[in-house]
Amino acid sequence: MKHALVKEHIIKTASDLFYTNGYNSTGINEIIKEAGIAKATLYNHFKSKEDLCIAYLKYKNSNFFKDLKKFIASKEAGKNQILALFDYLDIFFNQKKFNGCWCINTISEITKHNDKIRLEILSQKDNLINYMSVLVIENLDGYSKNESFDIARKIYVLYEGAIAESNMQSNVWPINSAKSICNTII
């Protein structure tokens, strides 16, 4: 296998394991075994488990954002595009392997002092808020940039809460409730 393909294979394998079993519960030896590679191969691509975790977070985020943006773009402009955030969550929830938010799951397993992973997660969450702000600006009239950002942060809190609660409750009602509250905000 070519270098880039091996690296991608390692990331996909680690992503499945980290997301399903948790970061701390997944050992390097398990990743090596599942990927069918030698330990040296893993360390040729990643200096540490922490570096592999960063790659996992980026991989999950990239795929999620690509699918989310495509889904929202397919909806009619206006409130529908904003509410589609929650419709997409419903689809995300109904996937066989749904296990909540990869960022929240990971950050709950690391220490406060793990800046490398924490900063990657914060960057992803900031990007999500900024994307929501753009959706508000593009789809709602009469709000300043600051007001749009404030609305986006409120939507973000609903969104994150809906993911966490739907995972904990093993039910879609938190997503539906968050969508309903969002509709009253916008």
Foldseek 3Di string as FASTA:
>chain_A
DDLVVLLVLLLVLVLLCCLQPNLVRDDPVNSCVSSVHDPVSVCVNPVDSLRSLLSSLVVVLVVVVVVLVVQLVVDDAAVRSLLVLLVVVVVLLPDPRQQFDSLVRHVVVDDPPPCVSVVSSVVSLVVQLVVQLVSCVRHPPDDDSVRSSVLSVLLSVLSNVQRVVCNVVVHNVSSVVSSVVNVVSD
